[in-house]
Amino acid sequence: GRRICSLRTELWAGQPAGGSVGHTAGVASGL
């Protein structure tokens, strides 16, 4: 099926910006 569980497990509290932030949002939007 097409139901996806995405794990984001880094201990990154307080990180408001960066390539990984935009990349995760882009992956979510694309999926």
PDB file of all heavy atoms in Angstrom:
ATOM      1  N   GLY A   1       0.848  -1.194   0.000  1.00  0.00           N
ATOM      2  CA  GLY A   1       0.000   0.000   0.000  1.00  0.00           C
ATOM      3  C   GLY A   1       0.871   1.227   0.000  1.00  0.00           C
ATOM      4  O   GLY A   1       2.087   1.150  -0.215  1.00  0.00           O
ATOM      5  N   ARG A   2       0.296   2.387   0.262  1.00  0.00           N
ATOM      6  CA  ARG A   2       1.016   3.656   0.140  1.00  0.00           C
ATOM      7  C   ARG A   2       1.039   4.440   1.452  1.00  0.00           C
ATOM      8  O   ARG A   2       1.142   5.652   1.469  1.00  0.00           O
ATOM      9  CB  ARG A   2       0.392   4.495  -0.980  1.00  0.00           C
ATOM     10  CG  ARG A   2       0.391   3.784  -2.323  1.00  0.00           C
ATOM     11  CD  ARG A   2      -0.238   4.639  -3.415  1.00  0.00           C
ATOM     12  NE  ARG A   2       0.558   5.807  -3.731  1.00  0.00           N
ATOM     13  CZ  ARG A   2       1.622   5.794  -4.534  1.00  0.00           C
ATOM     14  NH1 ARG A   2       2.019   4.655  -5.090  1.00  0.00           N
ATOM     15  NH2 ARG A   2       2.296   6.892  -4.791  1.00  0.00           N
ATOM     16  N   ARG A   3       0.932   3.726   2.569  1.00  0.00           N
ATOM     17  CA  ARG A   3       0.993   4.377   3.878  1.00  0.00           C
ATOM     18  C   ARG A   3       2.417   4.214   4.412  1.00  0.00           C
ATOM     19  O   ARG A   3       2.893   3.088   4.640  1.00  0.00           O
ATOM     20  CB  ARG A   3      -0.036   3.769   4.821  1.00  0.00           C
ATOM     21  CG  ARG A   3      -0.111   4.455   6.169  1.00  0.00           C
ATOM     22  CD  ARG A   3      -1.356   4.022   6.934  1.00  0.00           C
ATOM     23  NE  ARG A   3      -1.306   4.407   8.333  1.00  0.00           N
ATOM     24  CZ  ARG A   3      -1.573   5.636   8.783  1.00  0.00           C
ATOM     25  NH1 ARG A   3      -1.894   6.588   7.930  1.00  0.00           N
ATOM     26  NH2 ARG A   3      -1.522   5.901  10.074  1.00  0.00           N
ATOM     27  N   ILE A   4       3.089   5.343   4.637  1.00  0.00           N
ATOM     28  CA  ILE A   4       4.518   5.345   4.945  1.00  0.00           C
ATOM     29  C   ILE A   4       4.750   5.904   6.342  1.00  0.00           C
ATOM     30  O   ILE A   4       4.244   6.974   6.687  1.00  0.00           O
ATOM     31  CB  ILE A   4       5.303   6.187   3.912  1.00  0.00           C
ATOM     32  CG1 ILE A   4       5.085   5.637   2.500  1.00  0.00           C
ATOM     33  CG2 ILE A   4       6.784   6.236   4.265  1.00  0.00           C
ATOM     34  CD1 ILE A   4       5.655   6.541   1.416  1.00  0.00           C
ATOM     35  N   CYS A   5       5.540   5.179   7.125  1.00  0.00           N
ATOM     36  CA  CYS A   5       6.023   5.675   8.416  1.00  0.00           C
ATOM     37  C   CYS A   5       7.441   6.196   8.217  1.00  0.00           C
ATOM     38  O   CYS A   5       8.341   5.443   7.843  1.00  0.00           O
ATOM     39  CB  CYS A   5       6.016   4.558   9.450  1.00  0.00           C
ATOM     40  SG  CYS A   5       6.819   5.013  11.013  1.00  0.00           S
ATOM     41  N   SER A   6       7.641   7.493   8.451  1.00  0.00           N
ATOM     42  CA  SER A   6       8.951   8.109   8.290  1.00  0.00           C
ATOM     43  C   SER A   6       9.573   8.336   9.662  1.00  0.00           C
ATOM     44  O   SER A   6       8.957   8.950  10.539  1.00  0.00           O
ATOM     45  CB  SER A   6       8.821   9.448   7.552  1.00  0.00           C
ATOM     46  OG  SER A   6      10.080  10.083   7.437  1.00  0.00           O
ATOM     47  N   LEU A   7      10.787   7.860   9.853  1.00  0.00           N
ATOM     48  CA  LEU A   7      11.500   8.020  11.121  1.00  0.00           C
ATOM     49  C   LEU A   7      12.488   9.169  11.013  1.00  0.00           C
ATOM     50  O   LEU A   7      13.332   9.201  10.114  1.00  0.00           O
ATOM     51  CB  LEU A   7      12.271   6.745  11.477  1.00  0.00           C
ATOM     52  CG  LEU A   7      11.483   5.439  11.589  1.00  0.00           C
ATOM     53  CD1 LEU A   7      12.420   4.307  11.989  1.00  0.00           C
ATOM     54  CD2 LEU A   7      10.352   5.565  12.593  1.00  0.00           C
ATOM     55  N   ARG A   8      12.378  10.153  11.925  1.00  0.00           N
ATOM     56  CA  ARG A   8      13.386  11.208  12.071  1.00  0.00           C
ATOM     57  C   ARG A   8      13.870  11.136  13.509  1.00  0.00           C
ATOM     58  O   ARG A   8      13.179  11.551  14.434  1.00  0.00           O
ATOM     59  CB  ARG A   8      12.792  12.586  11.781  1.00  0.00           C
ATOM     60  CG  ARG A   8      12.715  12.937  10.302  1.00  0.00           C
ATOM     61  CD  ARG A   8      14.078  12.918   9.599  1.00  0.00           C
ATOM     62  NE  ARG A   8      15.051  13.768  10.222  1.00  0.00           N
ATOM     63  CZ  ARG A   8      15.412  14.947   9.737  1.00  0.00           C
ATOM     64  NH1 ARG A   8      14.876  15.418   8.641  1.00  0.00           N
ATOM     65  NH2 ARG A   8      16.341  15.655  10.335  1.00  0.00           N
ATOM     66  N   THR A   9      15.059  10.576  13.700  1.00  0.00           N
ATOM     67  CA  THR A   9      15.487  10.162  15.033  1.00  0.00           C
ATOM     68  C   THR A   9      16.650  10.972  15.600  1.00  0.00           C
ATOM     69  O   THR A   9      17.107  10.700  16.701  1.00  0.00           O
ATOM     70  CB  THR A   9      15.894   8.678  14.997  1.00  0.00           C
ATOM     71  OG1 THR A   9      16.908   8.493  13.987  1.00  0.00           O
ATOM     72  CG2 THR A   9      14.707   7.802  14.654  1.00  0.00           C
ATOM     73  N   GLU A  10      17.138  11.976  14.869  1.00  0.00           N
ATOM     74  CA  GLU A  10      18.270  12.737  15.374  1.00  0.00           C
ATOM     75  C   GLU A  10      17.888  13.514  16.637  1.00  0.00           C
ATOM     76  O   GLU A  10      16.756  13.945  16.793  1.00  0.00           O
ATOM     77  CB  GLU A  10      18.768  13.746  14.317  1.00  0.00           C
ATOM     78  CG  GLU A  10      19.248  13.103  13.035  1.00  0.00           C
ATOM     79  CD  GLU A  10      18.178  13.119  11.969  1.00  0.00           C
ATOM     80  OE1 GLU A  10      16.991  12.952  12.320  1.00  0.00           O
ATOM     81  OE2 GLU A  10      18.518  13.295  10.785  1.00  0.00           O
ATOM     82  N   LEU A  11      18.868  13.689  17.513  1.00  0.00           N
ATOM     83  CA  LEU A  11      18.670  14.490  18.725  1.00  0.00           C
ATOM     84  C   LEU A  11      18.950  15.941  18.364  1.00  0.00           C
ATOM     85  O   LEU A  11      19.991  16.501  18.697  1.00  0.00           O
ATOM     86  CB  LEU A  11      19.608  14.004  19.839  1.00  0.00           C
ATOM     87  CG  LEU A  11      19.473  12.526  20.212  1.00  0.00           C
ATOM     88  CD1 LEU A  11      20.497  12.143  21.276  1.00  0.00           C
ATOM     89  CD2 LEU A  11      18.076  12.217  20.701  1.00  0.00           C
ATOM     90  N   TRP A  12      18.021  16.565  17.669  1.00  0.00           N
ATOM     91  CA  TRP A  12      18.278  17.866  17.025  1.00  0.00           C
ATOM     92  C   TRP A  12      17.380  18.966  17.559  1.00  0.00           C
ATOM     93  O   TRP A  12      17.084  19.917  16.857  1.00  0.00           O
ATOM     94  CB  TRP A  12      18.105  17.732  15.504  1.00  0.00           C
ATOM     95  CG  TRP A  12      16.683  17.510  15.044  1.00  0.00           C
ATOM     96  CD1 TRP A  12      15.675  16.874  15.714  1.00  0.00           C
ATOM     97  CD2 TRP A  12      16.114  17.944  13.817  1.00  0.00           C
ATOM     98  NE1 TRP A  12      14.527  16.870  14.969  1.00  0.00           N
ATOM     99  CE2 TRP A  12      14.766  17.523  13.795  1.00  0.00           C
ATOM    100  CE3 TRP A  12      16.612  18.646  12.715  1.00  0.00           C
ATOM    101  CZ2 TRP A  12      13.907  17.789  12.727  1.00  0.00           C
ATOM    102  CZ3 TRP A  12      15.757  18.892  11.657  1.00  0.00           C
ATOM    103  CH2 TRP A  12      14.433  18.467  11.662  1.00  0.00           C
ATOM    104  N   ALA A  13      16.925  18.888  18.777  1.00  0.00           N
ATOM    105  CA  ALA A  13      16.025  19.908  19.331  1.00  0.00           C
ATOM    106  C   ALA A  13      16.618  21.299  19.150  1.00  0.00           C
ATOM    107  O   ALA A  13      17.798  21.529  19.379  1.00  0.00           O
ATOM    108  CB  ALA A  13      15.775  19.648  20.816  1.00  0.00           C
ATOM    109  N   GLY A  14      15.778  22.234  18.730  1.00  0.00           N
ATOM    110  CA  GLY A  14      16.201  23.612  18.580  1.00  0.00           C
ATOM    111  C   GLY A  14      16.814  23.944  17.245  1.00  0.00           C
ATOM    112  O   GLY A  14      17.263  25.068  17.033  1.00  0.00           O
ATOM    113  N   GLN A  15      16.836  23.023  16.294  1.00  0.00           N
ATOM    114  CA  GLN A  15      17.405  23.290  14.979  1.00  0.00           C
ATOM    115  C   GLN A  15      16.296  23.819  14.061  1.00  0.00           C
ATOM    116  O   GLN A  15      15.485  23.057  13.552  1.00  0.00           O
ATOM    117  CB  GLN A  15      17.992  22.004  14.380  1.00  0.00           C
ATOM    118  CG  GLN A  15      18.591  22.165  12.992  1.00  0.00           C
ATOM    119  CD  GLN A  15      19.820  23.050  12.982  1.00  0.00           C
ATOM    120  OE1 GLN A  15      20.648  22.995  13.876  1.00  0.00           O
ATOM    121  NE2 GLN A  15      19.927  23.894  11.985  1.00  0.00           N
ATOM    122  N   PRO A  16      16.215  25.145  13.848  1.00  0.00           N
ATOM    123  CA  PRO A  16      15.093  25.694  13.094  1.00  0.00           C
ATOM    124  C   PRO A  16      15.303  25.726  11.598  1.00  0.00           C
ATOM    125  O   PRO A  16      14.373  26.005  10.850  1.00  0.00           O
ATOM    126  CB  PRO A  16      14.994  27.123  13.642  1.00  0.00           C
ATOM    127  CG  PRO A  16      16.417  27.479  13.934  1.00  0.00           C
ATOM    128  CD  PRO A  16      17.087  26.194  14.387  1.00  0.00           C
ATOM    129  N   ALA A  17      16.543  25.484  11.134  1.00  0.00           N
ATOM    130  CA  ALA A  17      16.831  25.678   9.722  1.00  0.00           C
ATOM    131  C   ALA A  17      17.988  24.792   9.306  1.00  0.00           C
ATOM    132  O   ALA A  17      18.697  24.212  10.123  1.00  0.00           O
ATOM    133  CB  ALA A  17      17.161  27.146   9.456  1.00  0.00           C
ATOM    134  N   GLY A  18      18.191  24.713   7.999  1.00  0.00           N
ATOM    135  CA  GLY A  18      19.286  23.928   7.450  1.00  0.00           C
ATOM    136  C   GLY A  18      18.799  23.042   6.315  1.00  0.00           C
ATOM    137  O   GLY A  18      17.598  22.858   6.101  1.00  0.00           O
ATOM    138  N   GLY A  19      19.761  22.486   5.578  1.00  0.00           N
ATOM    139  CA  GLY A  19      19.409  21.651   4.445  1.00  0.00           C
ATOM    140  C   GLY A  19      18.552  20.463   4.810  1.00  0.00           C
ATOM    141  O   GLY A  19      17.639  20.082   4.056  1.00  0.00           O
ATOM    142  N   SER A  20      18.805  19.861   5.989  1.00  0.00           N
ATOM    143  CA  SER A  20      18.023  18.683   6.375  1.00  0.00           C
ATOM    144  C   SER A  20      16.569  19.043   6.644  1.00  0.00           C
ATOM    145  O   SER A  20      15.661  18.245   6.396  1.00  0.00           O
ATOM    146  CB  SER A  20      18.634  18.018   7.614  1.00  0.00           C
ATOM    147  OG  SER A  20      18.543  18.856   8.746  1.00  0.00           O
ATOM    148  N   VAL A  21      16.332  20.272   7.150  1.00  0.00           N
ATOM    149  CA  VAL A  21      14.963  20.715   7.415  1.00  0.00           C
ATOM    150  C   VAL A  21      14.195  20.842   6.102  1.00  0.00           C
ATOM    151  O   VAL A  21      13.088  20.326   5.950  1.00  0.00           O
ATOM    152  CB  VAL A  21      14.966  22.060   8.177  1.00  0.00           C
ATOM    153  CG1 VAL A  21      13.551  22.597   8.320  1.00  0.00           C
ATOM    154  CG2 VAL A  21      15.611  21.886   9.548  1.00  0.00           C
ATOM    155  N   GLY A  22      14.804  21.545   5.133  1.00  0.00           N
ATOM    156  CA  GLY A  22      14.156  21.705   3.841  1.00  0.00           C
ATOM    157  C   GLY A  22      14.004  20.389   3.101  1.00  0.00           C
ATOM    158  O   GLY A  22      12.999  20.154   2.422  1.00  0.00           O
ATOM    159  N   HIS A  23      15.008  19.515   3.235  1.00  0.00           N
ATOM    160  CA  HIS A  23      14.962  18.235   2.540  1.00  0.00           C
ATOM    161  C   HIS A  23      13.820  17.373   3.062  1.00  0.00           C
ATOM    162  O   HIS A  23      13.076  16.762   2.286  1.00  0.00           O
ATOM    163  CB  HIS A  23      16.299  17.514   2.703  1.00  0.00           C
ATOM    164  CG  HIS A  23      16.439  16.289   1.859  1.00  0.00           C
ATOM    165  ND1 HIS A  23      16.042  15.051   2.284  1.00  0.00           N
ATOM    166  CD2 HIS A  23      16.908  16.132   0.591  1.00  0.00           C
ATOM    167  CE1 HIS A  23      16.281  14.168   1.328  1.00  0.00           C
ATOM    168  NE2 HIS A  23      16.794  14.794   0.294  1.00  0.00           N
ATOM    169  N   THR A  24      13.663  17.310   4.383  1.00  0.00           N
ATOM    170  CA  THR A  24      12.582  16.514   4.959  1.00  0.00           C
ATOM    171  C   THR A  24      11.227  17.039   4.509  1.00  0.00           C
ATOM    172  O   THR A  24      10.327  16.258   4.157  1.00  0.00           O
ATOM    173  CB  THR A  24      12.682  16.521   6.490  1.00  0.00           C
ATOM    174  OG1 THR A  24      13.892  15.875   6.879  1.00  0.00           O
ATOM    175  CG2 THR A  24      11.509  15.788   7.125  1.00  0.00           C
ATOM    176  N   ALA A  25      11.066  18.361   4.512  1.00  0.00           N
ATOM    177  CA  ALA A  25       9.803  18.936   4.057  1.00  0.00           C
ATOM    178  C   ALA A  25       9.561  18.627   2.588  1.00  0.00           C
ATOM    179  O   ALA A  25       8.425  18.340   2.171  1.00  0.00           O
ATOM    180  CB  ALA A  25       9.806  20.443   4.294  1.00  0.00           C
ATOM    181  N   GLY A  26      10.623  18.668   1.783  1.00  0.00           N
ATOM    182  CA  GLY A  26      10.479  18.364   0.366  1.00  0.00           C
ATOM    183  C   GLY A  26      10.107  16.918   0.109  1.00  0.00           C
ATOM    184  O   GLY A  26       9.271  16.616  -0.757  1.00  0.00           O
ATOM    185  N   VAL A  27      10.717  16.003   0.863  1.00  0.00           N
ATOM    186  CA  VAL A  27      10.374  14.584   0.724  1.00  0.00           C
ATOM    187  C   VAL A  27       8.907  14.361   1.088  1.00  0.00           C
ATOM    188  O   VAL A  27       8.167  13.660   0.387  1.00  0.00           O
ATOM    189  CB  VAL A  27      11.300  13.715   1.606  1.00  0.00           C
ATOM    190  CG1 VAL A  27      10.781  12.283   1.685  1.00  0.00           C
ATOM    191  CG2 VAL A  27      12.721  13.721   1.044  1.00  0.00           C
ATOM    192  N   ALA A  28       8.472  14.987   2.193  1.00  0.00           N
ATOM    193  CA  ALA A  28       7.077  14.832   2.607  1.00  0.00           C
ATOM    194  C   ALA A  28       6.126  15.359   1.536  1.00  0.00           C
ATOM    195  O   ALA A  28       5.119  14.717   1.199  1.00  0.00           O
ATOM    196  CB  ALA A  28       6.848  15.561   3.934  1.00  0.00           C
ATOM    197  N   SER A  29       6.443  16.526   0.984  1.00  0.00           N
ATOM    198  CA  SER A  29       5.587  17.117  -0.048  1.00  0.00           C
ATOM    199  C   SER A  29       5.555  16.237  -1.300  1.00  0.00           C
ATOM    200  O   SER A  29       4.490  16.018  -1.891  1.00  0.00           O
ATOM    201  CB  SER A  29       6.100  18.520  -0.387  1.00  0.00           C
ATOM    202  OG  SER A  29       5.358  19.095  -1.430  1.00  0.00           O
ATOM    203  N   GLY A  30       6.733  15.732  -1.696  1.00  0.00           N
ATOM    204  CA  GLY A  30       6.790  14.907  -2.891  1.00  0.00           C
ATOM    205  C   GLY A  30       6.043  13.594  -2.734  1.00  0.00           C
ATOM    206  O   GLY A  30       5.333  13.148  -3.650  1.00  0.00           O
ATOM    207  N   LEU A  31       6.182  12.965  -1.575  1.00  0.00           N
ATOM    208  CA  LEU A  31       5.478  11.703  -1.349  1.00  0.00           C
ATOM    209  C   LEU A  31       3.966  11.927  -1.316  1.00  0.00           C
ATOM    210  O   LEU A  31       3.199  11.126  -1.860  1.00  0.00           O
ATOM    211  CB  LEU A  31       5.957  11.061  -0.049  1.00  0.00           C
ATOM    212  CG  LEU A  31       7.371  10.470  -0.094  1.00  0.00           C
ATOM    213  CD1 LEU A  31       7.813  10.038   1.299  1.00  0.00           C
ATOM    214  CD2 LEU A  31       7.441   9.287  -1.053  1.00  0.00           C
TER     215      LEU A  31
END
